[in-house]
Amino acid sequence: MAEKKLRVTLVKSPIGAVPKNKKTVAALGLRKINSTNELPDNGAVRGMLQQVKHMVKVEEL
């Protein structure tokens, strides 16, 4: 069975965000608004998404 993935899209700019949140967004591979990245569905990625849930949109694939 194929590994589950998450499609993560940046919907809010990290410009005014806390520096930790800016680094988290960068670590998720998101650079500009509406940029999208597909990531594995695991605990580490879920934790990162929890930190920046107000800035991203997540879809399960």
PDB file of N, CA and C in Angstrom:
ATOM      1  N   MET A   1       0.835  -1.182   0.000  1.00  0.00           N
ATOM      2  CA  MET A   1       0.000   0.000   0.000  1.00  0.00           C
ATOM      3  C   MET A   1       0.881   1.246   0.000  1.00  0.00           C
ATOM      4  N   ALA A   2       0.474   2.237  -0.741  1.00  0.00           N
ATOM      5  CA  ALA A   2       1.254   3.464  -0.848  1.00  0.00           C
ATOM      6  C   ALA A   2       1.192   4.261   0.457  1.00  0.00           C
ATOM      7  N   GLU A   3       2.276   4.973   0.704  1.00  0.00           N
ATOM      8  CA  GLU A   3       2.352   5.812   1.897  1.00  0.00           C
ATOM      9  C   GLU A   3       1.383   6.984   1.772  1.00  0.00           C
ATOM     10  N   LYS A   4       0.733   7.338   2.876  1.00  0.00           N
ATOM     11  CA  LYS A   4      -0.188   8.471   2.855  1.00  0.00           C
ATOM     12  C   LYS A   4       0.589   9.767   2.725  1.00  0.00           C
ATOM     13  N   LYS A   5      -0.015  10.729   2.039  1.00  0.00           N
ATOM     14  CA  LYS A   5       0.625  12.028   1.834  1.00  0.00           C
ATOM     15  C   LYS A   5      -0.328  13.136   2.233  1.00  0.00           C
ATOM     16  N   LEU A   6       0.253  14.295   2.497  1.00  0.00           N
ATOM     17  CA  LEU A   6      -0.503  15.506   2.787  1.00  0.00           C
ATOM     18  C   LEU A   6      -0.104  16.565   1.772  1.00  0.00           C
ATOM     19  N   ARG A   7      -1.083  17.263   1.233  1.00  0.00           N
ATOM     20  CA  ARG A   7      -0.797  18.403   0.353  1.00  0.00           C
ATOM     21  C   ARG A   7      -0.970  19.661   1.192  1.00  0.00           C
ATOM     22  N   VAL A   8       0.118  20.409   1.350  1.00  0.00           N
ATOM     23  CA  VAL A   8       0.134  21.590   2.216  1.00  0.00           C
ATOM     24  C   VAL A   8       0.304  22.828   1.344  1.00  0.00           C
ATOM     25  N   THR A   9      -0.564  23.825   1.538  1.00  0.00           N
ATOM     26  CA  THR A   9      -0.534  25.067   0.771  1.00  0.00           C
ATOM     27  C   THR A   9      -0.425  26.241   1.730  1.00  0.00           C
ATOM     28  N   LEU A  10       0.489  27.155   1.440  1.00  0.00           N
ATOM     29  CA  LEU A  10       0.648  28.363   2.252  1.00  0.00           C
ATOM     30  C   LEU A  10      -0.411  29.373   1.843  1.00  0.00           C
ATOM     31  N   VAL A  11      -1.250  29.801   2.786  1.00  0.00           N
ATOM     32  CA  VAL A  11      -2.341  30.725   2.463  1.00  0.00           C
ATOM     33  C   VAL A  11      -2.196  32.078   3.148  1.00  0.00           C
ATOM     34  N   LYS A  12      -1.254  32.196   4.077  1.00  0.00           N
ATOM     35  CA  LYS A  12      -1.036  33.470   4.775  1.00  0.00           C
ATOM     36  C   LYS A  12       0.457  33.727   4.840  1.00  0.00           C
ATOM     37  N   SER A  13       0.852  34.965   4.631  1.00  0.00           N
ATOM     38  CA  SER A  13       2.259  35.321   4.617  1.00  0.00           C
ATOM     39  C   SER A  13       2.894  35.172   5.995  1.00  0.00           C
ATOM     40  N   PRO A  14       4.106  34.616   6.048  1.00  0.00           N
ATOM     41  CA  PRO A  14       4.804  34.504   7.327  1.00  0.00           C
ATOM     42  C   PRO A  14       5.605  35.759   7.688  1.00  0.00           C
ATOM     43  N   ILE A  15       5.438  36.852   6.965  1.00  0.00           N
ATOM     44  CA  ILE A  15       6.262  38.038   7.171  1.00  0.00           C
ATOM     45  C   ILE A  15       6.176  38.560   8.607  1.00  0.00           C
ATOM     46  N   GLY A  16       4.971  38.695   9.151  1.00  0.00           N
ATOM     47  CA  GLY A  16       4.843  39.237  10.498  1.00  0.00           C
ATOM     48  C   GLY A  16       4.834  38.178  11.585  1.00  0.00           C
ATOM     49  N   ALA A  17       5.128  36.943  11.216  1.00  0.00           N
ATOM     50  CA  ALA A  17       5.001  35.831  12.157  1.00  0.00           C
ATOM     51  C   ALA A  17       6.204  35.746  13.097  1.00  0.00           C
ATOM     52  N   VAL A  18       6.027  34.964  14.156  1.00  0.00           N
ATOM     53  CA  VAL A  18       7.110  34.673  15.086  1.00  0.00           C
ATOM     54  C   VAL A  18       8.232  33.978  14.304  1.00  0.00           C
ATOM     55  N   PRO A  19       9.499  34.283  14.599  1.00  0.00           N
ATOM     56  CA  PRO A  19      10.607  33.661  13.852  1.00  0.00           C
ATOM     57  C   PRO A  19      10.556  32.128  13.812  1.00  0.00           C
ATOM     58  N   LYS A  20      10.120  31.498  14.896  1.00  0.00           N
ATOM     59  CA  LYS A  20      10.009  30.030  14.909  1.00  0.00           C
ATOM     60  C   LYS A  20       9.020  29.554  13.857  1.00  0.00           C
ATOM     61  N   ASN A  21       7.903  30.285  13.703  1.00  0.00           N
ATOM     62  CA  ASN A  21       6.910  29.902  12.701  1.00  0.00           C
ATOM     63  C   ASN A  21       7.431  30.123  11.295  1.00  0.00           C
ATOM     64  N   LYS A  22       8.224  31.167  11.084  1.00  0.00           N
ATOM     65  CA  LYS A  22       8.820  31.404   9.766  1.00  0.00           C
ATOM     66  C   LYS A  22       9.721  30.238   9.381  1.00  0.00           C
ATOM     67  N   LYS A  23      10.521  29.759  10.335  1.00  0.00           N
ATOM     68  CA  LYS A  23      11.422  28.642  10.071  1.00  0.00           C
ATOM     69  C   LYS A  23      10.647  27.357   9.807  1.00  0.00           C
ATOM     70  N   THR A  24       9.539  27.183  10.511  1.00  0.00           N
ATOM     71  CA  THR A  24       8.709  25.996  10.311  1.00  0.00           C
ATOM     72  C   THR A  24       8.122  25.986   8.903  1.00  0.00           C
ATOM     73  N   VAL A  25       7.624  27.145   8.445  1.00  0.00           N
ATOM     74  CA  VAL A  25       7.067  27.239   7.089  1.00  0.00           C
ATOM     75  C   VAL A  25       8.149  26.920   6.063  1.00  0.00           C
ATOM     76  N   ALA A  26       9.348  27.449   6.273  1.00  0.00           N
ATOM     77  CA  ALA A  26      10.453  27.173   5.346  1.00  0.00           C
ATOM     78  C   ALA A  26      10.816  25.685   5.362  1.00  0.00           C
ATOM     79  N   ALA A  27      10.803  25.079   6.542  1.00  0.00           N
ATOM     80  CA  ALA A  27      11.137  23.655   6.657  1.00  0.00           C
ATOM     81  C   ALA A  27      10.099  22.769   5.979  1.00  0.00           C
ATOM     82  N   LEU A  28       8.871  23.263   5.872  1.00  0.00           N
ATOM     83  CA  LEU A  28       7.830  22.516   5.158  1.00  0.00           C
ATOM     84  C   LEU A  28       7.988  22.657   3.641  1.00  0.00           C
ATOM     85  N   GLY A  29       8.935  23.479   3.207  1.00  0.00           N
ATOM     86  CA  GLY A  29       9.189  23.647   1.782  1.00  0.00           C
ATOM     87  C   GLY A  29       8.283  24.662   1.125  1.00  0.00           C
ATOM     88  N   LEU A  30       7.714  25.575   1.915  1.00  0.00           N
ATOM     89  CA  LEU A  30       6.798  26.581   1.380  1.00  0.00           C
ATOM     90  C   LEU A  30       7.510  27.925   1.337  1.00  0.00           C
ATOM     91  N   ARG A  31       7.471  28.575   0.162  1.00  0.00           N
ATOM     92  CA  ARG A  31       8.194  29.834   0.017  1.00  0.00           C
ATOM     93  C   ARG A  31       7.257  31.019  -0.195  1.00  0.00           C
ATOM     94  N   LYS A  32       6.369  30.921  -1.153  1.00  0.00           N
ATOM     95  CA  LYS A  32       5.465  32.026  -1.469  1.00  0.00           C
ATOM     96  C   LYS A  32       4.029  31.632  -1.174  1.00  0.00           C
ATOM     97  N   ILE A  33       3.164  32.621  -1.057  1.00  0.00           N
ATOM     98  CA  ILE A  33       1.753  32.340  -0.849  1.00  0.00           C
ATOM     99  C   ILE A  33       1.237  31.513  -2.036  1.00  0.00           C
ATOM    100  N   ASN A  34       0.407  30.556  -1.741  1.00  0.00           N
ATOM    101  CA  ASN A  34      -0.160  29.598  -2.704  1.00  0.00           C
ATOM    102  C   ASN A  34       0.853  28.575  -3.194  1.00  0.00           C
ATOM    103  N   SER A  35       2.061  28.540  -2.617  1.00  0.00           N
ATOM    104  CA  SER A  35       2.980  27.461  -2.966  1.00  0.00           C
ATOM    105  C   SER A  35       2.488  26.200  -2.259  1.00  0.00           C
ATOM    106  N   THR A  36       2.662  25.068  -2.922  1.00  0.00           N
ATOM    107  CA  THR A  36       2.148  23.790  -2.430  1.00  0.00           C
ATOM    108  C   THR A  36       3.269  22.773  -2.380  1.00  0.00           C
ATOM    109  N   ASN A  37       3.216  21.890  -1.391  1.00  0.00           N
ATOM    110  CA  ASN A  37       4.194  20.830  -1.272  1.00  0.00           C
ATOM    111  C   ASN A  37       3.474  19.582  -0.775  1.00  0.00           C
ATOM    112  N   GLU A  38       3.889  18.427  -1.272  1.00  0.00           N
ATOM    113  CA  GLU A  38       3.342  17.157  -0.802  1.00  0.00           C
ATOM    114  C   GLU A  38       4.333  16.541   0.163  1.00  0.00           C
ATOM    115  N   LEU A  39       3.871  16.233   1.367  1.00  0.00           N
ATOM    116  CA  LEU A  39       4.727  15.716   2.421  1.00  0.00           C
ATOM    117  C   LEU A  39       4.169  14.406   2.949  1.00  0.00           C
ATOM    118  N   PRO A  40       5.036  13.552   3.522  1.00  0.00           N
ATOM    119  CA  PRO A  40       4.530  12.308   4.110  1.00  0.00           C
ATOM    120  C   PRO A  40       3.683  12.597   5.338  1.00  0.00           C
ATOM    121  N   ASP A  41       2.694  11.746   5.561  1.00  0.00           N
ATOM    122  CA  ASP A  41       1.804  11.907   6.706  1.00  0.00           C
ATOM    123  C   ASP A  41       2.402  11.165   7.898  1.00  0.00           C
ATOM    124  N   ASN A  42       3.207  11.872   8.694  1.00  0.00           N
ATOM    125  CA  ASN A  42       3.792  11.264   9.883  1.00  0.00           C
ATOM    126  C   ASN A  42       3.731  12.246  11.048  1.00  0.00           C
ATOM    127  N   GLY A  43       4.154  11.808  12.205  1.00  0.00           N
ATOM    128  CA  GLY A  43       4.041  12.619  13.403  1.00  0.00           C
ATOM    129  C   GLY A  43       4.843  13.904  13.347  1.00  0.00           C
ATOM    130  N   ALA A  44       6.033  13.861  12.756  1.00  0.00           N
ATOM    131  CA  ALA A  44       6.887  15.046  12.694  1.00  0.00           C
ATOM    132  C   ALA A  44       6.229  16.135  11.845  1.00  0.00           C
ATOM    133  N   VAL A  45       5.712  15.746  10.690  1.00  0.00           N
ATOM    134  CA  VAL A  45       5.067  16.725   9.805  1.00  0.00           C
ATOM    135  C   VAL A  45       3.775  17.231  10.440  1.00  0.00           C
ATOM    136  N   ARG A  46       3.010  16.345  11.062  1.00  0.00           N
ATOM    137  CA  ARG A  46       1.768  16.766  11.722  1.00  0.00           C
ATOM    138  C   ARG A  46       2.053  17.784  12.830  1.00  0.00           C
ATOM    139  N   GLY A  47       3.133  17.592  13.572  1.00  0.00           N
ATOM    140  CA  GLY A  47       3.505  18.530  14.623  1.00  0.00           C
ATOM    141  C   GLY A  47       3.876  19.886  14.070  1.00  0.00           C
ATOM    142  N   MET A  48       4.598  19.895  12.944  1.00  0.00           N
ATOM    143  CA  MET A  48       4.971  21.153  12.302  1.00  0.00           C
ATOM    144  C   MET A  48       3.721  21.881  11.811  1.00  0.00           C
ATOM    145  N   LEU A  49       2.791  21.136  11.244  1.00  0.00           N
ATOM    146  CA  LEU A  49       1.555  21.746  10.741  1.00  0.00           C
ATOM    147  C   LEU A  49       0.722  22.310  11.890  1.00  0.00           C
ATOM    148  N   GLN A  50       0.763  21.658  13.049  1.00  0.00           N
ATOM    149  CA  GLN A  50       0.028  22.155  14.211  1.00  0.00           C
ATOM    150  C   GLN A  50       0.560  23.520  14.638  1.00  0.00           C
ATOM    151  N   GLN A  51       1.867  23.729  14.502  1.00  0.00           N
ATOM    152  CA  GLN A  51       2.480  25.010  14.883  1.00  0.00           C
ATOM    153  C   GLN A  51       2.025  26.157  13.983  1.00  0.00           C
ATOM    154  N   VAL A  52       1.789  25.872  12.713  1.00  0.00           N
ATOM    155  CA  VAL A  52       1.472  26.938  11.744  1.00  0.00           C
ATOM    156  C   VAL A  52       0.105  26.716  11.099  1.00  0.00           C
ATOM    157  N   LYS A  53      -0.832  26.119  11.839  1.00  0.00           N
ATOM    158  CA  LYS A  53      -2.140  25.781  11.270  1.00  0.00           C
ATOM    159  C   LYS A  53      -2.917  27.001  10.806  1.00  0.00           C
ATOM    160  N   HIS A  54      -2.611  28.183  11.357  1.00  0.00           N
ATOM    161  CA  HIS A  54      -3.309  29.403  10.961  1.00  0.00           C
ATOM    162  C   HIS A  54      -2.780  29.974   9.650  1.00  0.00           C
ATOM    163  N   MET A  55      -1.697  29.396   9.120  1.00  0.00           N
ATOM    164  CA  MET A  55      -1.068  29.920   7.905  1.00  0.00           C
ATOM    165  C   MET A  55      -1.145  28.958   6.721  1.00  0.00           C
ATOM    166  N   VAL A  56      -1.586  27.732   6.958  1.00  0.00           N
ATOM    167  CA  VAL A  56      -1.562  26.741   5.893  1.00  0.00           C
ATOM    168  C   VAL A  56      -2.929  26.078   5.728  1.00  0.00           C
ATOM    169  N   LYS A  57      -3.112  25.482   4.543  1.00  0.00           N
ATOM    170  CA  LYS A  57      -4.282  24.642   4.263  1.00  0.00           C
ATOM    171  C   LYS A  57      -3.758  23.249   3.982  1.00  0.00           C
ATOM    172  N   VAL A  58      -4.361  22.245   4.612  1.00  0.00           N
ATOM    173  CA  VAL A  58      -3.893  20.877   4.497  1.00  0.00           C
ATOM    174  C   VAL A  58      -4.974  20.002   3.871  1.00  0.00           C
ATOM    175  N   GLU A  59      -4.570  19.201   2.876  1.00  0.00           N
ATOM    176  CA  GLU A  59      -5.471  18.220   2.256  1.00  0.00           C
ATOM    177  C   GLU A  59      -4.829  16.851   2.363  1.00  0.00           C
ATOM    178  N   GLU A  60      -5.618  15.851   2.728  1.00  0.00           N
ATOM    179  CA  GLU A  60      -5.115  14.483   2.761  1.00  0.00           C
ATOM    180  C   GLU A  60      -5.286  13.864   1.384  1.00  0.00           C
ATOM    181  N   LEU A  61      -4.249  13.172   0.935  1.00  0.00           N
ATOM    182  CA  LEU A  61      -4.298  12.539  -0.393  1.00  0.00           C
ATOM    183  C   LEU A  61      -4.515  11.043  -0.247  1.00  0.00           C
TER     184      LEU A  61
END
